[in-house]
C-alpha atoms as a PDB file:
ATOM      1  CA  MET A   1       2.764  22.170   6.403  1.00  0.00           C
ATOM      2  CA  ILE A   2       0.833  18.966   5.147  1.00  0.00           C
ATOM      3  CA  GLU A   3       2.087  19.626   1.208  1.00  0.00           C
ATOM      4  CA  THR A   4       5.565  20.036  -0.124  1.00  0.00           C
ATOM      5  CA  SER A   5       8.098  19.277  -3.042  1.00  0.00           C
ATOM      6  CA  ALA A   6      10.900  17.119  -3.105  1.00  0.00           C
ATOM      7  CA  THR A   7      13.772  18.764  -3.656  1.00  0.00           C
ATOM      8  CA  ALA A   8      16.957  17.032  -5.734  1.00  0.00           C
ATOM      9  CA  THR A   9      18.431  16.207  -2.697  1.00  0.00           C
ATOM     10  CA  GLN A  10      15.645  15.124  -0.290  1.00  0.00           C
ATOM     11  CA  PHE A  11      12.988  13.262  -1.642  1.00  0.00           C
ATOM     12  CA  LEU A  12      10.740  13.878   1.561  1.00  0.00           C
ATOM     13  CA  GLY A  13      11.014  17.549   1.162  1.00  0.00           C
ATOM     14  CA  MET A  14      12.769  17.636   4.129  1.00  0.00           C
ATOM     15  CA  SER A  15      15.702  15.671   5.852  1.00  0.00           C
ATOM     16  CA  THR A  16      14.487  12.253   6.803  1.00  0.00           C
ATOM     17  CA  THR A  17      15.116  13.901  11.030  1.00  0.00           C
ATOM     18  CA  ALA A  18      12.420  16.187  10.103  1.00  0.00           C
ATOM     19  CA  PHE A  19      10.243  13.922   8.752  1.00  0.00           C
ATOM     20  CA  LEU A  20      10.833  11.573  11.732  1.00  0.00           C
ATOM     21  CA  ARG A  21      10.326  14.554  14.218  1.00  0.00           C
ATOM     22  CA  ASP A  22       7.458  16.544  12.345  1.00  0.00           C
ATOM     23  CA  TYR A  23       5.309  13.391  10.834  1.00  0.00           C
ATOM     24  CA  TRP A  24       5.685  10.241  11.133  1.00  0.00           C
ATOM     25  CA  GLN A  25       2.998   8.669  13.044  1.00  0.00           C
ATOM     26  CA  GLN A  26       1.611  12.185  13.741  1.00  0.00           C
ATOM     27  CA  LYS A  27       0.117  13.646  10.621  1.00  0.00           C
ATOM     28  CA  PRO A  28      -0.042  12.918   6.665  1.00  0.00           C
ATOM     29  CA  LEU A  29       2.463  14.549   4.399  1.00  0.00           C
ATOM     30  CA  LEU A  30       1.914  14.734   0.473  1.00  0.00           C
ATOM     31  CA  VAL A  31       4.846  14.877  -1.226  1.00  0.00           C
ATOM     32  CA  ARG A  32       5.117  16.017  -5.110  1.00  0.00           C
ATOM     33  CA  ASN A  33       7.918  14.811  -7.357  1.00  0.00           C
ATOM     34  CA  ALA A  34       9.117  12.854  -4.544  1.00  0.00           C
ATOM     35  CA  PHE A  35      10.093  10.287  -7.533  1.00  0.00           C
ATOM     36  CA  ALA A  36      10.443  12.677 -10.202  1.00  0.00           C
ATOM     37  CA  GLY A  37      10.194  10.677 -13.641  1.00  0.00           C
ATOM     38  CA  PHE A  38       8.924   7.745 -11.971  1.00  0.00           C
ATOM     39  CA  ALA A  39       8.665   4.919 -14.265  1.00  0.00           C
ATOM     40  CA  SER A  40       6.120   1.916 -12.887  1.00  0.00           C
ATOM     41  CA  PRO A  41       8.506  -1.182 -12.597  1.00  0.00           C
ATOM     42  CA  LEU A  42       5.644  -3.566 -13.856  1.00  0.00           C
ATOM     43  CA  GLY A  43       3.410  -3.604 -16.376  1.00  0.00           C
ATOM     44  CA  ALA A  44      -0.122  -4.258 -16.470  1.00  0.00           C
ATOM     45  CA  ASP A  45       0.112  -7.607 -17.767  1.00  0.00           C
ATOM     46  CA  ASP A  46       3.549  -8.451 -15.354  1.00  0.00           C
ATOM     47  CA  LEU A  47       0.796  -7.669 -12.355  1.00  0.00           C
ATOM     48  CA  GLY A  48      -2.358  -9.724 -13.795  1.00  0.00           C
ATOM     49  CA  GLY A  49       0.129 -12.692 -14.624  1.00  0.00           C
ATOM     50  CA  LEU A  50       1.409 -12.591 -10.977  1.00  0.00           C
ATOM     51  CA  ALA A  51      -2.047 -12.436  -9.665  1.00  0.00           C
ATOM     52  CA  CYS A  52      -2.845 -15.711 -11.517  1.00  0.00           C
ATOM     53  CA  GLU A  53       0.254 -16.996  -9.361  1.00  0.00           C
ATOM     54  CA  GLU A  54      -0.660 -19.307  -6.683  1.00  0.00           C
ATOM     55  CA  TYR A  55       1.527 -17.734  -3.634  1.00  0.00           C
ATOM     56  CA  ALA A  56       0.873 -13.853  -5.011  1.00  0.00           C
ATOM     57  CA  LEU A  57      -1.407 -12.368  -2.537  1.00  0.00           C
ATOM     58  CA  SER A  58      -4.178 -11.101  -4.451  1.00  0.00           C
ATOM     59  CA  ARG A  59      -7.522  -9.505  -4.934  1.00  0.00           C
ATOM     60  CA  LEU A  60     -10.200  -7.996  -6.882  1.00  0.00           C
ATOM     61  CA  ILE A  61     -12.454  -5.413  -5.465  1.00  0.00           C
ATOM     62  CA  THR A  62     -15.090  -4.456  -7.516  1.00  0.00           C
ATOM     63  CA  HIS A  63     -17.982  -1.802  -7.284  1.00  0.00           C
ATOM     64  CA  ASP A  64     -21.349  -1.265  -8.286  1.00  0.00           C
ATOM     65  CA  PRO A  65     -21.625   2.614  -7.713  1.00  0.00           C
ATOM     66  CA  ALA A  66     -25.758   2.685  -8.829  1.00  0.00           C
ATOM     67  CA  LEU A  67     -26.430   0.777  -6.025  1.00  0.00           C
ATOM     68  CA  ASP A  68     -23.090   1.188  -3.904  1.00  0.00           C
ATOM     69  CA  ARG A  69     -22.625  -2.505  -3.790  1.00  0.00           C
ATOM     70  CA  TRP A  70     -19.106  -3.948  -3.294  1.00  0.00           C
ATOM     71  CA  ASN A  71     -17.646  -7.192  -3.952  1.00  0.00           C
ATOM     72  CA  LEU A  72     -14.275  -9.008  -2.732  1.00  0.00           C
ATOM     73  CA  ARG A  73     -12.512 -11.969  -4.930  1.00  0.00           C
ATOM     74  CA  SER A  74      -9.298 -13.297  -3.602  1.00  0.00           C
ATOM     75  CA  GLY A  75      -6.572 -14.828  -6.124  1.00  0.00           C
ATOM     76  CA  PRO A  76      -5.381 -16.704  -7.178  1.00  0.00           C
ATOM     77  CA  PHE A  77      -6.952 -15.334 -10.738  1.00  0.00           C
ATOM     78  CA  ALA A  78      -7.796 -17.121 -14.312  1.00  0.00           C
ATOM     79  CA  GLU A  79      -7.648 -15.610 -17.508  1.00  0.00           C
ATOM     80  CA  THR A  80     -11.189 -15.733 -17.350  1.00  0.00           C
ATOM     81  CA  ASP A  81     -11.607 -14.090 -14.142  1.00  0.00           C
ATOM     82  CA  PHE A  82     -10.197 -10.686 -16.075  1.00  0.00           C
ATOM     83  CA  ALA A  83     -12.399 -11.110 -19.123  1.00  0.00           C
ATOM     84  CA  ALA A  84     -15.612 -10.957 -17.361  1.00  0.00           C
ATOM     85  CA  LEU A  85     -14.740  -7.894 -15.370  1.00  0.00           C
ATOM     86  CA  PRO A  86     -16.725  -4.779 -16.041  1.00  0.00           C
ATOM     87  CA  ALA A  87     -16.096  -1.816 -17.619  1.00  0.00           C
ATOM     88  CA  SER A  88     -14.823   0.417 -14.736  1.00  0.00           C
ATOM     89  CA  HIS A  89     -15.088   0.320 -11.177  1.00  0.00           C
ATOM     90  CA  TRP A  90     -13.278  -2.075 -10.319  1.00  0.00           C
ATOM     91  CA  THR A  91      -9.487  -2.590  -8.715  1.00  0.00           C
ATOM     92  CA  LEU A  92      -6.985  -5.451  -8.788  1.00  0.00           C
ATOM     93  CA  LEU A  93      -4.135  -5.417  -5.365  1.00  0.00           C
ATOM     94  CA  VAL A  94      -1.276  -7.919  -5.386  1.00  0.00           C
ATOM     95  CA  GLN A  95       0.664  -7.842  -2.090  1.00  0.00           C
ATOM     96  CA  ASP A  96       4.674  -8.805  -1.228  1.00  0.00           C
ATOM     97  CA  VAL A  97       5.248  -7.543  -5.003  1.00  0.00           C
ATOM     98  CA  ASP A  98       9.149  -6.828  -3.756  1.00  0.00           C
ATOM     99  CA  LYS A  99       9.082 -10.907  -2.932  1.00  0.00           C
ATOM    100  CA  TRP A 100       9.023 -11.362  -6.538  1.00  0.00           C
ATOM    101  CA  ASP A 101      10.514  -8.477  -8.552  1.00  0.00           C
ATOM    102  CA  ALA A 102      13.723  -6.952  -8.053  1.00  0.00           C
ATOM    103  CA  ASP A 103      12.938  -3.707  -9.270  1.00  0.00           C
ATOM    104  CA  VAL A 104       9.927  -3.243  -6.994  1.00  0.00           C
ATOM    105  CA  ALA A 105      12.307  -4.126  -4.233  1.00  0.00           C
ATOM    106  CA  ALA A 106      14.474  -1.601  -4.903  1.00  0.00           C
ATOM    107  CA  LEU A 107      11.767   0.803  -4.178  1.00  0.00           C
ATOM    108  CA  LEU A 108      12.529   0.281  -0.077  1.00  0.00           C
ATOM    109  CA  GLY A 109      15.828   1.372  -0.325  1.00  0.00           C
ATOM    110  CA  HIS A 110      14.492   4.899  -0.419  1.00  0.00           C
ATOM    111  CA  PHE A 111      12.728   4.055   3.086  1.00  0.00           C
ATOM    112  CA  ASP A 112      16.089   2.788   4.620  1.00  0.00           C
ATOM    113  CA  PHE A 113      16.137   5.490   7.022  1.00  0.00           C
ATOM    114  CA  LEU A 114      13.194   3.194   8.894  1.00  0.00           C
ATOM    115  CA  PRO A 115      14.490   0.156  10.816  1.00  0.00           C
ATOM    116  CA  SER A 116      14.061  -2.633   8.290  1.00  0.00           C
ATOM    117  CA  TRP A 117      11.799  -4.505  10.809  1.00  0.00           C
ATOM    118  CA  ARG A 118       9.356  -2.328  10.611  1.00  0.00           C
ATOM    119  CA  VAL A 119       9.063  -2.706   6.780  1.00  0.00           C
ATOM    120  CA  ASP A 120       6.047  -5.097   5.792  1.00  0.00           C
ATOM    121  CA  ASP A 121       5.725  -5.211   2.024  1.00  0.00           C
ATOM    122  CA  VAL A 122       5.122  -3.097  -1.515  1.00  0.00           C
ATOM    123  CA  MET A 123       1.589  -3.515  -2.379  1.00  0.00           C
ATOM    124  CA  VAL A 124       0.798  -3.191  -6.006  1.00  0.00           C
ATOM    125  CA  SER A 125      -2.825  -2.062  -7.328  1.00  0.00           C
ATOM    126  CA  TYR A 126      -4.101  -1.559 -10.819  1.00  0.00           C
ATOM    127  CA  ALA A 127      -7.187   0.422 -11.053  1.00  0.00           C
ATOM    128  CA  GLU A 128      -9.541   0.791 -13.731  1.00  0.00           C
ATOM    129  CA  ASP A 129     -11.615   4.206 -14.098  1.00  0.00           C
ATOM    130  CA  GLY A 130     -13.138   5.043 -10.990  1.00  0.00           C
ATOM    131  CA  GLY A 131     -11.642   1.807  -9.046  1.00  0.00           C
ATOM    132  CA  SER A 132     -11.340   2.021  -5.598  1.00  0.00           C
ATOM    133  CA  VAL A 133     -11.422   0.177  -2.468  1.00  0.00           C
ATOM    134  CA  GLY A 134     -13.579   2.329  -0.589  1.00  0.00           C
ATOM    135  CA  ALA A 135     -13.010   4.806   2.031  1.00  0.00           C
ATOM    136  CA  HIS A 136     -11.412   3.000   5.434  1.00  0.00           C
ATOM    137  CA  VAL A 137      -8.541   3.232   7.680  1.00  0.00           C
ATOM    138  CA  ASP A 138      -5.222   1.456   8.366  1.00  0.00           C
ATOM    139  CA  GLN A 139      -3.529   0.453  11.638  1.00  0.00           C
ATOM    140  CA  TYR A 140      -0.031   1.171  10.218  1.00  0.00           C
ATOM    141  CA  ASP A 141       1.921   3.521   8.323  1.00  0.00           C
ATOM    142  CA  VAL A 142       1.801   3.959   4.137  1.00  0.00           C
ATOM    143  CA  PHE A 143       3.857   5.441   1.471  1.00  0.00           C
ATOM    144  CA  LEU A 144       1.197   5.779  -1.415  1.00  0.00           C
ATOM    145  CA  ILE A 145       3.513   6.341  -4.523  1.00  0.00           C
ATOM    146  CA  GLN A 146       1.726   7.058  -7.669  1.00  0.00           C
ATOM    147  CA  GLY A 147       2.451   5.068 -10.849  1.00  0.00           C
ATOM    148  CA  LEU A 148       0.940   5.479 -14.197  1.00  0.00           C
ATOM    149  CA  GLY A 149      -1.862   7.660 -14.833  1.00  0.00           C
ATOM    150  CA  ARG A 150      -3.596   9.868 -11.665  1.00  0.00           C
ATOM    151  CA  ARG A 151      -5.487   8.888  -8.628  1.00  0.00           C
ATOM    152  CA  ARG A 152      -7.400  11.648  -6.475  1.00  0.00           C
ATOM    153  CA  TRP A 153      -6.944  11.173  -2.764  1.00  0.00           C
ATOM    154  CA  GLN A 154      -9.342  12.356   0.117  1.00  0.00           C
ATOM    155  CA  ILE A 155      -8.253  12.107   3.870  1.00  0.00           C
ATOM    156  CA  SER A 156      -9.866  13.368   6.725  1.00  0.00           C
ATOM    157  CA  THR A 157      -7.331  14.817   9.373  1.00  0.00           C
ATOM    158  CA  ASP A 158     -10.901  15.481  11.896  1.00  0.00           C
ATOM    159  CA  ALA A 159     -10.229  13.868  15.108  1.00  0.00           C
ATOM    160  CA  GLU A 160     -13.970  13.824  16.165  1.00  0.00           C
ATOM    161  CA  ALA A 161     -14.687  11.844  12.780  1.00  0.00           C
ATOM    162  CA  PRO A 162     -17.145   8.951  13.585  1.00  0.00           C
ATOM    163  CA  MET A 163     -15.118   5.879  12.943  1.00  0.00           C
ATOM    164  CA  ALA A 164     -18.102   3.219  12.619  1.00  0.00           C
ATOM    165  CA  PHE A 165     -17.964   0.696   9.461  1.00  0.00           C
ATOM    166  CA  ARG A 166     -20.481  -0.671   7.139  1.00  0.00           C
ATOM    167  CA  GLU A 167     -22.054  -3.785   7.952  1.00  0.00           C
ATOM    168  CA  ASP A 168     -23.212  -4.518   4.393  1.00  0.00           C
ATOM    169  CA  VAL A 169     -20.104  -5.341   2.973  1.00  0.00           C
ATOM    170  CA  GLU A 170     -17.408  -7.820   3.101  1.00  0.00           C
ATOM    171  CA  LEU A 171     -14.623  -4.856   3.465  1.00  0.00           C
ATOM    172  CA  LYS A 172     -14.072  -2.791   6.339  1.00  0.00           C
ATOM    173  CA  LEU A 173     -15.521   0.474   4.919  1.00  0.00           C
ATOM    174  CA  LEU A 174     -16.540   3.915   6.536  1.00  0.00           C
ATOM    175  CA  ARG A 175     -19.964   4.585   7.222  1.00  0.00           C
ATOM    176  CA  GLU A 176     -19.328   8.222   6.881  1.00  0.00           C
ATOM    177  CA  PHE A 177     -16.508   9.718   5.275  1.00  0.00           C
ATOM    178  CA  LYS A 178     -16.079  13.732   5.252  1.00  0.00           C
ATOM    179  CA  PRO A 179     -12.771  14.767   3.566  1.00  0.00           C
ATOM    180  CA  THR A 180     -11.009  17.523   4.429  1.00  0.00           C
ATOM    181  CA  HIS A 181      -8.078  17.432   2.347  1.00  0.00           C
ATOM    182  CA  ASP A 182      -8.770  16.647  -1.709  1.00  0.00           C
ATOM    183  CA  TRP A 183      -5.847  16.142  -4.096  1.00  0.00           C
ATOM    184  CA  LEU A 184      -5.245  14.378  -7.617  1.00  0.00           C
ATOM    185  CA  LEU A 185      -1.986  12.481  -7.829  1.00  0.00           C
ATOM    186  CA  GLU A 186       0.446  12.480 -10.414  1.00  0.00           C
ATOM    187  CA  PRO A 187       3.182  10.125 -11.650  1.00  0.00           C
ATOM    188  CA  GLY A 188       6.026  10.654  -8.905  1.00  0.00           C
ATOM    189  CA  ASP A 189       3.821  11.807  -6.454  1.00  0.00           C
ATOM    190  CA  MET A 190       3.858  10.442  -2.781  1.00  0.00           C
ATOM    191  CA  LEU A 191       1.182  10.738  -0.255  1.00  0.00           C
ATOM    192  CA  TYR A 192       2.481   9.435   3.601  1.00  0.00           C
ATOM    193  CA  LEU A 193      -0.467   8.437   6.018  1.00  0.00           C
ATOM    194  CA  PRO A 194       0.141   7.827   9.527  1.00  0.00           C
ATOM    195  CA  PRO A 195      -1.811   5.007  11.821  1.00  0.00           C
ATOM    196  CA  GLY A 196      -5.509   5.958  11.765  1.00  0.00           C
ATOM    197  CA  VAL A 197      -5.705   8.362   9.362  1.00  0.00           C
ATOM    198  CA  ALA A 198      -9.266   7.788   7.105  1.00  0.00           C
ATOM    199  CA  HIS A 199      -8.809   7.977   3.339  1.00  0.00           C
ATOM    200  CA  HIS A 200     -10.264   7.323   0.052  1.00  0.00           C
ATOM    201  CA  GLY A 201      -8.804   6.920  -3.291  1.00  0.00           C
ATOM    202  CA  VAL A 202     -10.316   6.684  -6.615  1.00  0.00           C
ATOM    203  CA  ALA A 203      -8.610   6.246 -10.030  1.00  0.00           C
ATOM    204  CA  ASP A 204      -9.219   9.164 -12.119  1.00  0.00           C
ATOM    205  CA  ALA A 205     -11.462   9.012 -15.214  1.00  0.00           C
ATOM    206  CA  ILE A 206      -9.385  11.004 -17.578  1.00  0.00           C
ATOM    207  CA  ASP A 207      -5.896   9.262 -16.995  1.00  0.00           C
ATOM    208  CA  GLN A 208      -6.427   6.194 -15.756  1.00  0.00           C
ATOM    209  CA  GLY A 209      -4.193   5.878 -12.709  1.00  0.00           C
ATOM    210  CA  GLY A 210      -2.936   4.037  -9.741  1.00  0.00           C
ATOM    211  CA  LEU A 211      -0.119   3.680  -6.861  1.00  0.00           C
ATOM    212  CA  HIS A 212       2.675   1.888  -5.735  1.00  0.00           C
ATOM    213  CA  HIS A 213       1.888   1.538  -2.263  1.00  0.00           C
ATOM    214  CA  LEU A 214       4.948   1.260  -0.069  1.00  0.00           C
ATOM    215  CA  GLY A 215       3.305  -0.387   3.428  1.00  0.00           C
ATOM    216  CA  GLN A 216       5.182  -0.457   6.831  1.00  0.00           C
ATOM    217  CA  GLY A 217       2.442  -2.415   8.738  1.00  0.00           C
ATOM    218  CA  ALA A 218       2.770  -5.536  10.549  1.00  0.00           C
ATOM    219  CA  ALA A 219       6.152  -7.522  10.384  1.00  0.00           C
ATOM    220  CA  ARG A 220       6.188 -10.372   8.504  1.00  0.00           C
ATOM    221  CA  GLY A 221       9.188 -11.883  10.388  1.00  0.00           C
ATOM    222  CA  GLN A 222      10.786 -12.210  13.925  1.00  0.00           C
ATOM    223  CA  GLY A 223      12.083  -9.120  13.868  1.00  0.00           C
ATOM    224  CA  GLY A 224      12.952  -8.523   9.923  1.00  0.00           C
ATOM    225  CA  ASP A 225      16.202  -9.688   8.922  1.00  0.00           C
ATOM    226  CA  GLY A 226      18.447 -11.262  11.450  1.00  0.00           C
ATOM    227  CA  GLU A 227      21.953 -10.147   9.794  1.00  0.00           C
ATOM    228  CA  ARG A 228      20.790  -6.273   9.170  1.00  0.00           C
ATOM    229  CA  GLN A 229      19.157  -6.284  12.588  1.00  0.00           C
ATOM    230  CA  PRO A 230      22.242  -5.177  14.845  1.00  0.00           C
ATOM    231  CA  GLN A 231      22.522  -1.930  12.181  1.00  0.00           C
ATOM    232  CA  ASP A 232      18.759  -0.840  12.573  1.00  0.00           C
ATOM    233  CA  ARG A 233      19.237  -1.074  16.271  1.00  0.00           C
ATOM    234  CA  ALA A 234      21.917   1.125  16.104  1.00  0.00           C
ATOM    235  CA  ARG A 235      19.824   3.685  13.611  1.00  0.00           C
ATOM    236  CA  LEU A 236      16.756   3.526  16.292  1.00  0.00           C
ATOM    237  CA  ALA A 237      19.281   4.742  19.079  1.00  0.00           C
ATOM    238  CA  GLU A 238      20.546   7.470  16.711  1.00  0.00           C
ATOM    239  CA  HIS A 239      16.963   8.581  16.124  1.00  0.00           C
ATOM    240  CA  GLN A 240      15.147   7.472  19.606  1.00  0.00           C
ATOM    241  CA  GLN A 241      15.340  11.240  20.939  1.00  0.00           C
ATOM    242  CA  VAL A 242      13.991  12.625  17.751  1.00  0.00           C
ATOM    243  CA  VAL A 243      11.147  10.254  17.312  1.00  0.00           C
ATOM    244  CA  GLY A 244      10.319   9.845  21.050  1.00  0.00           C
ATOM    245  CA  GLY A 245      10.071   6.526  21.510  1.00  0.00           C
ATOM    246  CA  ARG A 246       7.689   5.580  18.186  1.00  0.00           C
ATOM    247  CA  PHE A 247       9.877   2.699  16.713  1.00  0.00           C
ATOM    248  CA  ASP A 248      10.086   0.722  20.187  1.00  0.00           C
ATOM    249  CA  ASP A 249       6.940  -1.281  21.474  1.00  0.00           C
ATOM    250  CA  PRO A 250       7.597  -4.798  22.568  1.00  0.00           C
ATOM    251  CA  ARG A 251       4.028  -6.505  21.365  1.00  0.00           C
ATOM    252  CA  GLN A 252       5.208  -5.519  17.631  1.00  0.00           C
ATOM    253  CA  LEU A 253       8.492  -6.540  17.944  1.00  0.00           C
ATOM    254  CA  GLY A 254       7.563 -10.031  19.078  1.00  0.00           C
ATOM    255  CA  ALA A 255       4.809 -10.551  15.906  1.00  0.00           C
ATOM    256  CA  GLY A 256       5.235 -13.998  14.406  1.00  0.00           C
ATOM    257  CA  PRO A 257       5.576 -15.045  10.947  1.00  0.00           C
ATOM    258  CA  GLY A 258       2.365 -13.776   8.982  1.00  0.00           C
ATOM    259  CA  HIS A 259       1.469 -11.557  12.064  1.00  0.00           C
ATOM    260  CA  ASN A 260      -0.783  -8.657  10.372  1.00  0.00           C
ATOM    261  CA  ASP A 261      -2.448  -5.697  12.382  1.00  0.00           C
ATOM    262  CA  GLY A 262      -5.842  -5.893  10.149  1.00  0.00           C
ATOM    263  CA  GLY A 263      -5.062  -2.726   7.967  1.00  0.00           C
ATOM    264  CA  GLN A 264      -7.626  -2.457   5.292  1.00  0.00           C
ATOM    265  CA  GLU A 265      -4.897  -3.130   1.977  1.00  0.00           C
ATOM    266  CA  GLY A 266      -2.475  -5.770   4.064  1.00  0.00           C
ATOM    267  CA  ASP A 267      -4.714  -8.754   5.009  1.00  0.00           C
ATOM    268  CA  GLY A 268      -4.455 -11.958   3.680  1.00  0.00           C
ATOM    269  CA  PRO A 269      -2.977 -15.034   3.760  1.00  0.00           C
ATOM    270  CA  ALA A 270       0.335 -15.770   5.311  1.00  0.00           C
ATOM    271  CA  LEU A 271       3.354 -16.131   2.806  1.00  0.00           C
ATOM    272  CA  PRO A 272       5.198 -19.554   2.524  1.00  0.00           C
ATOM    273  CA  PRO A 273       8.720 -19.864   3.580  1.00  0.00           C
ATOM    274  CA  ARG A 274      11.139 -17.246   1.727  1.00  0.00           C
ATOM    275  CA  GLY A 275      12.954 -20.665   0.154  1.00  0.00           C
ATOM    276  CA  GLN A 276       9.434 -21.509  -1.623  1.00  0.00           C
ATOM    277  CA  ILE A 277       9.584 -18.287  -3.736  1.00  0.00           C
ATOM    278  CA  ASP A 278      13.277 -17.620  -5.587  1.00  0.00           C
ATOM    279  CA  PRO A 279      13.142 -13.859  -5.907  1.00  0.00           C
ATOM    280  CA  ARG A 280      15.556 -14.131  -8.858  1.00  0.00           C
ATOM    281  CA  HIS A 281      12.807 -15.735 -11.306  1.00  0.00           C
ATOM    282  CA  PRO A 282       9.613 -13.998 -12.692  1.00  0.00           C
ATOM    283  CA  PRO A 283       6.400 -15.572 -12.367  1.00  0.00           C
ATOM    284  CA  ASP A 284       4.993 -18.326 -14.802  1.00  0.00           C
ATOM    285  CA  GLN A 285       5.078 -16.798 -18.397  1.00  0.00           C
ATOM    286  CA  GLY A 286       1.993 -18.874 -19.285  1.00  0.00           C
ATOM    287  CA  ALA A 287       0.034 -16.749 -16.809  1.00  0.00           C
ATOM    288  CA  ARG A 288       1.468 -13.418 -18.156  1.00  0.00           C
ATOM    289  CA  ALA A 289       0.600 -14.438 -21.945  1.00  0.00           C
ATOM    290  CA  GLN A 290      -2.745 -15.537 -20.698  1.00  0.00           C
ATOM    291  CA  LEU A 291      -3.731 -12.235 -19.624  1.00  0.00           C
ATOM    292  CA  ARG A 292      -2.152 -10.291 -22.679  1.00  0.00           C
ATOM    293  CA  ARG A 293      -4.792 -12.363 -24.710  1.00  0.00           C
ATOM    294  CA  GLY A 294      -7.447 -11.769 -21.743  1.00  0.00           C
ATOM    295  CA  GLY A 295      -7.188  -7.721 -22.928  1.00  0.00           C
ATOM    296  CA  LEU A 296      -5.842  -6.485 -19.377  1.00  0.00           C
ATOM    297  CA  ALA A 297      -3.448  -3.960 -20.449  1.00  0.00           C
ATOM    298  CA  HIS A 298      -5.817  -1.692 -22.849  1.00  0.00           C
ATOM    299  CA  ARG A 299      -8.315  -1.307 -19.575  1.00  0.00           C
ATOM    300  CA  ALA A 300      -6.548  -0.385 -16.607  1.00  0.00           C
ATOM    301  CA  GLY A 301      -3.957   1.867 -15.114  1.00  0.00           C
ATOM    302  CA  ILE A 302      -1.133   0.601 -12.703  1.00  0.00           C
ATOM    303  CA  GLY A 303      -1.855   1.746  -9.121  1.00  0.00           C
ATOM    304  CA  CYS A 304      -0.725   1.605  -6.281  1.00  0.00           C
ATOM    305  CA  CYS A 305       2.652   0.546  -4.883  1.00  0.00           C
ATOM    306  CA  THR A 306       2.469   0.400  -1.326  1.00  0.00           C
ATOM    307  CA  PRO A 307       5.432  -0.042   1.298  1.00  0.00           C
ATOM    308  CA  ARG A 308       3.596  -0.582   4.468  1.00  0.00           C
ATOM    309  CA  VAL A 309       5.247   0.126   8.288  1.00  0.00           C
ATOM    310  CA  ASN A 310       4.771  -1.504  11.543  1.00  0.00           C
ATOM    311  CA  SER A 311       2.846   0.750  13.682  1.00  0.00           C
ATOM    312  CA  PRO A 312       3.863   0.255  17.409  1.00  0.00           C
ATOM    313  CA  ARG A 313       1.803   3.278  19.116  1.00  0.00           C
ATOM    314  CA  PRO A 314      -1.655   2.568  20.135  1.00  0.00           C
ATOM    315  CA  MET A 315      -4.069   3.671  17.290  1.00  0.00           C
ATOM    316  CA  ARG A 316      -6.101   6.568  18.943  1.00  0.00           C
ATOM    317  CA  THR A 317      -9.955   5.563  18.847  1.00  0.00           C
ATOM    318  CA  THR A 318      -9.960   3.330  15.519  1.00  0.00           C
ATOM    319  CA  PRO A 319     -10.549  -0.652  16.124  1.00  0.00           C
ATOM    320  CA  ALA A 320      -8.158  -3.375  14.885  1.00  0.00           C
ATOM    321  CA  ARG A 321      -9.626  -4.570  11.677  1.00  0.00           C
ATOM    322  CA  ALA A 322      -8.853  -7.699   9.651  1.00  0.00           C
ATOM    323  CA  GLU A 323      -9.483  -6.983   5.966  1.00  0.00           C
ATOM    324  CA  VAL A 324      -8.332  -5.444   2.634  1.00  0.00           C
ATOM    325  CA  PRO A 325      -6.981  -4.400   0.115  1.00  0.00           C
END
């Protein structure tokens, strides 16, 4: 089974124990209506305003389909940057949005069956029609939660598929990609991908789409929140027989601040110390007003809110990378 539907009591469509035993770091899972009635915590202008902040980790990726040319730019951005964007085929990505917005951070509560030191951040994307970051692989677990609009996701579970990267682009994009599965995600749907699974997401042309990308890649701190770590260790011990040790790897446990395992959707500069960002206060209101005047809201759909999780197990044949989004 690679596709299921959530129930009133199980948002994964199964118990967390069954998920950890049968899917975690093993195979993909599409859960329809995992977040039934999901309303994106951020509007387009909110995300655009956040991308103008100095400490926000943001990137713009544009694609010229006629020439198959990709371009990557890193933030912070200004109003003129958004005003100059083409009418289609671009994506805005902002990492660590859970550090800025309490409603986004609340999404992580649904994944408390995983130790907190495994959780990296929540990344939110915003894509114009045809917007994408290209076919790639990540070196961490990821839960892709569809927000506004729709997005088509293709994945390949072919263990023999080539994993060579293109040499003509800044992004680590796959030179060849032949999907084995193809889905159109609606709001509230969620796609779980273990490390090393090739995937390609494109905002749907009919209903401009996007996702909330909950990523569990490389831990930002040394073991996460020290006050919660004992409880996490207890949960780890409880599930140790079920998951067969897939939570434990001393190389990941020792990751220092700003560590990143090179995932396609997670690369970026380290966050400033937590004390320099007060999550109780929103980003600068002036930046948001600038983007409203720039008309970002009418052009694209809220994208991908992705929590990323540490991936301690060696990743099959996929090489390590440091890139976007």
